[in-house]
Amino acid sequence: MSTTTSREAGAPIGEDGAAAALPTYRYAVDVLPKPGILDPQGRAVEGSLGHLGIAGVSHVRVGRRVELSVTAPSEEQARATVERLAGELLANPLIEVHAIELLGAISPASRGTDDR
C-alpha cells in the first residue's frame, strides 16, 4: 500500500511549512439526450400529461443530474476535473449533452460536516 503526503500530491504549503487545506467546490452536472435523439422517457411523461389533466406542456426531455464535490487548488482546476468526468464518464458524447453548474465553494474550515 502506498501513502502519499500532501506535499507529494502538490498541495500548497502554508507559511508555517504545513500543507495548506485546499478548497472544495460543489458542482452539478446535468445530462440530457441531444436534440433529435429519441427520448422514450420524455415521450412517456408527455403522453401521461393528458391523463393528469395537464395541458400546454410539450417537448419533454428526461435526463439526469449528478452533484459532486471536488477538492482542488483553484476553481479552474476543479472545473477541468468535472469537465473531464462529464465528457468521459457521466455523459455519452454521441447521444447526450451536458451542462456544468458551480453550486458553490466549501471553505476548508467548514468541511467538518457531510450532508450527503
N, C-alpha and C. Protein backbone atom coordinates (compact mmCIF):
# COMPACT_ATOMS: atom_id res chain seq x y z
N MET A 1 0.85 -1.17 0.00
CA MET A 1 0.00 0.00 0.00
C MET A 1 0.89 1.23 0.00
N SER A 2 0.55 2.19 -0.84
CA SER A 2 1.32 3.40 -0.99
C SER A 2 0.65 4.54 -0.25
N THR A 3 1.43 5.35 0.43
CA THR A 3 0.91 6.51 1.13
C THR A 3 1.48 7.76 0.48
N THR A 4 0.61 8.71 0.16
CA THR A 4 1.03 9.96 -0.46
C THR A 4 0.79 11.09 0.52
N THR A 5 1.79 11.88 0.81
CA THR A 5 1.61 13.02 1.68
C THR A 5 1.09 14.19 0.88
N SER A 6 0.57 15.19 1.57
CA SER A 6 0.07 16.38 0.89
C SER A 6 1.16 17.04 0.06
N ARG A 7 2.38 17.06 0.59
CA ARG A 7 3.48 17.68 -0.14
C ARG A 7 3.74 16.93 -1.44
N GLU A 8 3.70 15.59 -1.40
CA GLU A 8 3.93 14.80 -2.61
C GLU A 8 2.83 15.01 -3.63
N ALA A 9 1.61 15.23 -3.17
CA ALA A 9 0.48 15.40 -4.07
C ALA A 9 0.43 16.79 -4.69
N GLY A 10 1.35 17.67 -4.29
CA GLY A 10 1.38 19.01 -4.87
C GLY A 10 0.48 20.00 -4.17
N ALA A 11 0.08 19.71 -2.93
CA ALA A 11 -0.76 20.63 -2.19
C ALA A 11 0.03 21.87 -1.83
N PRO A 12 -0.62 23.03 -1.80
CA PRO A 12 0.08 24.26 -1.42
C PRO A 12 0.60 24.15 0.01
N ILE A 13 1.71 24.82 0.27
CA ILE A 13 2.32 24.82 1.59
C ILE A 13 2.08 26.18 2.23
N GLY A 14 1.55 26.18 3.46
CA GLY A 14 1.28 27.43 4.17
C GLY A 14 2.56 28.07 4.67
N GLU A 15 2.42 29.26 5.27
CA GLU A 15 3.58 30.00 5.77
C GLU A 15 4.33 29.24 6.86
N ASP A 16 3.63 28.40 7.64
CA ASP A 16 4.28 27.66 8.71
C ASP A 16 4.94 26.38 8.21
N GLY A 17 4.92 26.13 6.91
CA GLY A 17 5.55 24.94 6.33
C GLY A 17 4.63 23.73 6.27
N ALA A 18 3.45 23.82 6.86
CA ALA A 18 2.49 22.72 6.82
C ALA A 18 1.66 22.81 5.54
N ALA A 19 1.12 21.68 5.14
CA ALA A 19 0.28 21.68 3.94
C ALA A 19 -0.97 22.51 4.20
N ALA A 20 -1.25 23.43 3.30
CA ALA A 20 -2.45 24.26 3.41
C ALA A 20 -3.66 23.46 2.95
N ALA A 21 -4.78 23.66 3.62
CA ALA A 21 -6.00 22.95 3.23
C ALA A 21 -6.51 23.52 1.91
N LEU A 22 -6.95 22.64 1.04
CA LEU A 22 -7.46 23.06 -0.27
C LEU A 22 -8.96 23.30 -0.19
N PRO A 23 -9.46 24.24 -0.97
CA PRO A 23 -10.90 24.45 -1.01
C PRO A 23 -11.60 23.32 -1.77
N THR A 24 -12.86 23.15 -1.46
CA THR A 24 -13.68 22.17 -2.15
C THR A 24 -14.79 22.91 -2.89
N TYR A 25 -15.01 22.53 -4.14
CA TYR A 25 -16.02 23.17 -4.98
C TYR A 25 -17.14 22.17 -5.24
N ARG A 26 -18.38 22.65 -5.16
CA ARG A 26 -19.55 21.81 -5.35
C ARG A 26 -20.12 22.09 -6.74
N TYR A 27 -20.35 21.03 -7.51
CA TYR A 27 -20.85 21.16 -8.88
C TYR A 27 -22.09 20.29 -9.09
N ALA A 28 -22.87 20.67 -10.09
CA ALA A 28 -23.95 19.84 -10.61
C ALA A 28 -23.69 19.66 -12.10
N VAL A 29 -23.86 18.43 -12.57
CA VAL A 29 -23.74 18.13 -13.99
C VAL A 29 -25.10 17.62 -14.46
N ASP A 30 -25.70 18.33 -15.40
CA ASP A 30 -26.98 17.92 -15.98
C ASP A 30 -26.71 17.27 -17.33
N VAL A 31 -27.27 16.08 -17.52
CA VAL A 31 -27.07 15.31 -18.75
C VAL A 31 -28.43 15.09 -19.40
N LEU A 32 -28.54 15.45 -20.68
CA LEU A 32 -29.78 15.29 -21.44
C LEU A 32 -29.48 14.65 -22.78
N PRO A 33 -30.48 13.97 -23.37
CA PRO A 33 -30.29 13.47 -24.74
C PRO A 33 -30.08 14.65 -25.68
N LYS A 34 -29.23 14.47 -26.69
CA LYS A 34 -29.03 15.51 -27.70
C LYS A 34 -30.34 15.75 -28.44
N PRO A 35 -30.52 16.99 -28.94
CA PRO A 35 -31.71 17.24 -29.77
C PRO A 35 -31.73 16.25 -30.95
N GLY A 36 -32.90 15.72 -31.22
CA GLY A 36 -33.05 14.77 -32.32
C GLY A 36 -32.85 13.32 -31.92
N ILE A 37 -32.31 13.08 -30.73
CA ILE A 37 -32.13 11.70 -30.24
C ILE A 37 -33.42 11.26 -29.57
N LEU A 38 -33.87 10.06 -29.86
CA LEU A 38 -35.09 9.52 -29.28
C LEU A 38 -34.99 9.53 -27.76
N ASP A 39 -36.04 10.02 -27.10
CA ASP A 39 -36.11 10.09 -25.65
C ASP A 39 -37.38 9.39 -25.19
N PRO A 40 -37.34 8.05 -25.02
CA PRO A 40 -38.55 7.32 -24.65
C PRO A 40 -39.14 7.75 -23.31
N GLN A 41 -38.31 8.10 -22.34
CA GLN A 41 -38.83 8.55 -21.04
C GLN A 41 -39.56 9.88 -21.20
N GLY A 42 -39.00 10.78 -21.98
CA GLY A 42 -39.65 12.06 -22.22
C GLY A 42 -40.99 11.89 -22.91
N ARG A 43 -41.02 10.98 -23.87
CA ARG A 43 -42.29 10.72 -24.59
C ARG A 43 -43.32 10.11 -23.65
N ALA A 44 -42.88 9.22 -22.76
CA ALA A 44 -43.81 8.59 -21.81
C ALA A 44 -44.39 9.64 -20.86
N VAL A 45 -43.55 10.53 -20.37
CA VAL A 45 -44.03 11.60 -19.48
C VAL A 45 -45.01 12.49 -20.24
N GLU A 46 -44.64 12.88 -21.44
CA GLU A 46 -45.52 13.74 -22.23
C GLU A 46 -46.85 13.06 -22.53
N GLY A 47 -46.82 11.75 -22.80
CA GLY A 47 -48.04 11.01 -23.07
C GLY A 47 -48.94 10.88 -21.86
N SER A 48 -48.38 10.96 -20.67
CA SER A 48 -49.16 10.83 -19.43
C SER A 48 -49.80 12.12 -18.97
N LEU A 49 -49.37 13.24 -19.52
CA LEU A 49 -49.87 14.53 -19.06
C LEU A 49 -51.38 14.69 -19.23
N GLY A 50 -51.91 14.19 -20.33
CA GLY A 50 -53.36 14.28 -20.57
C GLY A 50 -54.16 13.53 -19.53
N HIS A 51 -53.65 12.38 -19.08
CA HIS A 51 -54.33 11.59 -18.06
C HIS A 51 -54.36 12.32 -16.72
N LEU A 52 -53.45 13.25 -16.53
CA LEU A 52 -53.39 14.02 -15.29
C LEU A 52 -54.12 15.35 -15.41
N GLY A 53 -54.68 15.60 -16.59
CA GLY A 53 -55.41 16.84 -16.81
C GLY A 53 -54.49 18.04 -16.97
N ILE A 54 -53.26 17.79 -17.41
CA ILE A 54 -52.30 18.89 -17.59
C ILE A 54 -52.18 19.18 -19.08
N ALA A 55 -52.41 20.43 -19.45
CA ALA A 55 -52.33 20.83 -20.85
C ALA A 55 -51.24 21.89 -21.02
N GLY A 56 -50.78 22.06 -22.24
CA GLY A 56 -49.83 23.11 -22.55
C GLY A 56 -48.37 22.75 -22.32
N VAL A 57 -48.08 21.52 -22.00
CA VAL A 57 -46.69 21.09 -21.78
C VAL A 57 -46.27 20.23 -22.97
N SER A 58 -45.12 20.54 -23.55
CA SER A 58 -44.64 19.77 -24.69
C SER A 58 -43.12 19.73 -24.70
N HIS A 59 -42.58 18.98 -25.63
CA HIS A 59 -41.14 18.84 -25.81
C HIS A 59 -40.44 18.42 -24.52
N VAL A 60 -41.00 17.41 -23.84
CA VAL A 60 -40.43 16.93 -22.58
C VAL A 60 -39.18 16.11 -22.87
N ARG A 61 -38.11 16.42 -22.18
CA ARG A 61 -36.85 15.66 -22.27
C ARG A 61 -36.49 15.22 -20.85
N VAL A 62 -36.14 13.99 -20.68
CA VAL A 62 -35.78 13.46 -19.36
C VAL A 62 -34.29 13.15 -19.36
N GLY A 63 -33.61 13.62 -18.35
CA GLY A 63 -32.17 13.39 -18.21
C GLY A 63 -31.84 13.01 -16.80
N ARG A 64 -30.62 13.33 -16.40
CA ARG A 64 -30.20 13.05 -15.03
C ARG A 64 -29.30 14.17 -14.54
N ARG A 65 -29.21 14.28 -13.23
CA ARG A 65 -28.40 15.31 -12.58
C ARG A 65 -27.45 14.60 -11.62
N VAL A 66 -26.19 14.95 -11.71
CA VAL A 66 -25.17 14.39 -10.83
C VAL A 66 -24.57 15.56 -10.07
N GLU A 67 -24.56 15.48 -8.73
CA GLU A 67 -23.92 16.50 -7.91
C GLU A 67 -22.68 15.90 -7.28
N LEU A 68 -21.60 16.70 -7.24
CA LEU A 68 -20.34 16.19 -6.70
C LEU A 68 -19.50 17.32 -6.15
N SER A 69 -18.54 16.96 -5.30
CA SER A 69 -17.60 17.92 -4.73
C SER A 69 -16.20 17.56 -5.22
N VAL A 70 -15.41 18.59 -5.52
CA VAL A 70 -14.04 18.41 -5.99
C VAL A 70 -13.13 19.29 -5.15
N THR A 71 -12.10 18.68 -4.58
CA THR A 71 -11.10 19.42 -3.84
C THR A 71 -9.94 19.70 -4.78
N ALA A 72 -9.60 20.98 -4.93
CA ALA A 72 -8.55 21.38 -5.87
C ALA A 72 -8.00 22.74 -5.45
N PRO A 73 -6.79 23.07 -5.91
CA PRO A 73 -6.19 24.35 -5.57
C PRO A 73 -6.96 25.57 -6.09
N SER A 74 -7.70 25.41 -7.21
CA SER A 74 -8.43 26.54 -7.78
C SER A 74 -9.73 26.06 -8.41
N GLU A 75 -10.63 27.01 -8.62
CA GLU A 75 -11.91 26.67 -9.27
C GLU A 75 -11.66 26.21 -10.70
N GLU A 76 -10.68 26.78 -11.38
CA GLU A 76 -10.37 26.38 -12.75
C GLU A 76 -9.93 24.91 -12.81
N GLN A 77 -9.10 24.49 -11.86
CA GLN A 77 -8.66 23.09 -11.84
C GLN A 77 -9.79 22.16 -11.46
N ALA A 78 -10.64 22.59 -10.54
CA ALA A 78 -11.80 21.77 -10.16
C ALA A 78 -12.74 21.61 -11.35
N ARG A 79 -13.00 22.71 -12.06
CA ARG A 79 -13.89 22.65 -13.23
C ARG A 79 -13.31 21.74 -14.32
N ALA A 80 -12.00 21.79 -14.51
CA ALA A 80 -11.36 20.92 -15.51
C ALA A 80 -11.59 19.46 -15.15
N THR A 81 -11.52 19.14 -13.87
CA THR A 81 -11.78 17.77 -13.43
C THR A 81 -13.21 17.37 -13.73
N VAL A 82 -14.15 18.27 -13.43
CA VAL A 82 -15.57 17.98 -13.68
C VAL A 82 -15.83 17.87 -15.18
N GLU A 83 -15.22 18.73 -15.98
CA GLU A 83 -15.37 18.64 -17.45
C GLU A 83 -14.92 17.27 -17.95
N ARG A 84 -13.79 16.81 -17.44
CA ARG A 84 -13.28 15.50 -17.87
C ARG A 84 -14.23 14.38 -17.44
N LEU A 85 -14.70 14.42 -16.19
CA LEU A 85 -15.66 13.41 -15.72
C LEU A 85 -16.93 13.42 -16.57
N ALA A 86 -17.45 14.61 -16.84
CA ALA A 86 -18.69 14.72 -17.61
C ALA A 86 -18.49 14.19 -19.02
N GLY A 87 -17.39 14.56 -19.65
CA GLY A 87 -17.16 14.17 -21.04
C GLY A 87 -16.77 12.72 -21.23
N GLU A 88 -16.11 12.12 -20.23
CA GLU A 88 -15.61 10.76 -20.39
C GLU A 88 -16.40 9.70 -19.63
N LEU A 89 -17.16 10.12 -18.59
CA LEU A 89 -17.82 9.13 -17.75
C LEU A 89 -19.32 9.36 -17.59
N LEU A 90 -19.72 10.58 -17.30
CA LEU A 90 -21.11 10.84 -16.96
C LEU A 90 -22.04 10.94 -18.16
N ALA A 91 -21.53 11.41 -19.29
CA ALA A 91 -22.36 11.57 -20.49
C ALA A 91 -21.75 10.81 -21.65
N ASN A 92 -22.61 10.27 -22.49
CA ASN A 92 -22.18 9.62 -23.72
C ASN A 92 -22.18 10.70 -24.80
N PRO A 93 -21.00 11.16 -25.25
CA PRO A 93 -20.96 12.30 -26.17
C PRO A 93 -21.62 12.04 -27.52
N LEU A 94 -21.89 10.80 -27.86
CA LEU A 94 -22.55 10.51 -29.13
C LEU A 94 -24.04 10.84 -29.09
N ILE A 95 -24.67 10.68 -27.92
CA ILE A 95 -26.12 10.85 -27.85
C ILE A 95 -26.58 11.82 -26.76
N GLU A 96 -25.64 12.34 -25.95
CA GLU A 96 -26.03 13.20 -24.84
C GLU A 96 -25.21 14.50 -24.82
N VAL A 97 -25.80 15.52 -24.22
CA VAL A 97 -25.10 16.78 -23.96
C VAL A 97 -25.09 16.99 -22.46
N HIS A 98 -24.11 17.74 -21.99
CA HIS A 98 -24.05 18.01 -20.55
C HIS A 98 -23.82 19.49 -20.30
N ALA A 99 -24.26 19.91 -19.14
CA ALA A 99 -24.04 21.29 -18.68
C ALA A 99 -23.53 21.22 -17.25
N ILE A 100 -22.54 22.06 -16.95
CA ILE A 100 -21.93 22.07 -15.62
C ILE A 100 -22.29 23.36 -14.92
N GLU A 101 -22.69 23.23 -13.66
CA GLU A 101 -23.08 24.39 -12.86
C GLU A 101 -22.28 24.37 -11.56
N LEU A 102 -21.61 25.47 -11.25
CA LEU A 102 -20.92 25.61 -9.97
C LEU A 102 -21.96 25.96 -8.92
N LEU A 103 -22.09 25.11 -7.91
CA LEU A 103 -23.06 25.35 -6.85
C LEU A 103 -22.47 26.19 -5.72
N GLY A 104 -21.15 26.16 -5.58
CA GLY A 104 -20.51 26.96 -4.54
C GLY A 104 -19.21 26.33 -4.09
N ALA A 105 -18.52 27.05 -3.23
CA ALA A 105 -17.26 26.56 -2.67
C ALA A 105 -17.45 26.30 -1.19
N ILE A 106 -16.77 25.29 -0.70
CA ILE A 106 -16.81 24.95 0.71
C ILE A 106 -15.44 25.29 1.27
N SER A 107 -15.40 26.16 2.27
CA SER A 107 -14.12 26.53 2.83
C SER A 107 -13.54 25.36 3.63
N PRO A 108 -12.23 25.25 3.69
CA PRO A 108 -11.60 24.15 4.44
C PRO A 108 -12.04 24.12 5.90
N ALA A 109 -12.31 25.26 6.52
CA ALA A 109 -12.69 25.31 7.92
C ALA A 109 -14.08 24.73 8.18
N SER A 110 -14.97 24.83 7.21
CA SER A 110 -16.35 24.35 7.42
C SER A 110 -16.57 22.94 6.89
N ARG A 111 -15.52 22.23 6.57
CA ARG A 111 -15.65 20.92 5.96
C ARG A 111 -16.00 19.80 6.93
N GLY A 112 -16.19 20.08 8.20
CA GLY A 112 -16.42 19.04 9.19
C GLY A 112 -17.73 18.30 9.04
N THR A 113 -18.71 18.85 8.33
CA THR A 113 -19.99 18.17 8.18
C THR A 113 -20.14 17.64 6.78
N ASP A 114 -20.80 16.50 6.68
CA ASP A 114 -21.02 15.86 5.37
C ASP A 114 -22.52 15.67 5.20
N ASP A 115 -23.12 16.37 4.24
CA ASP A 115 -24.58 16.32 4.06
C ASP A 115 -24.99 15.44 2.91
N ARG A 116 -24.26 14.40 2.62
CA ARG A 116 -24.62 13.51 1.51
C ARG A 116 -25.92 12.84 1.74
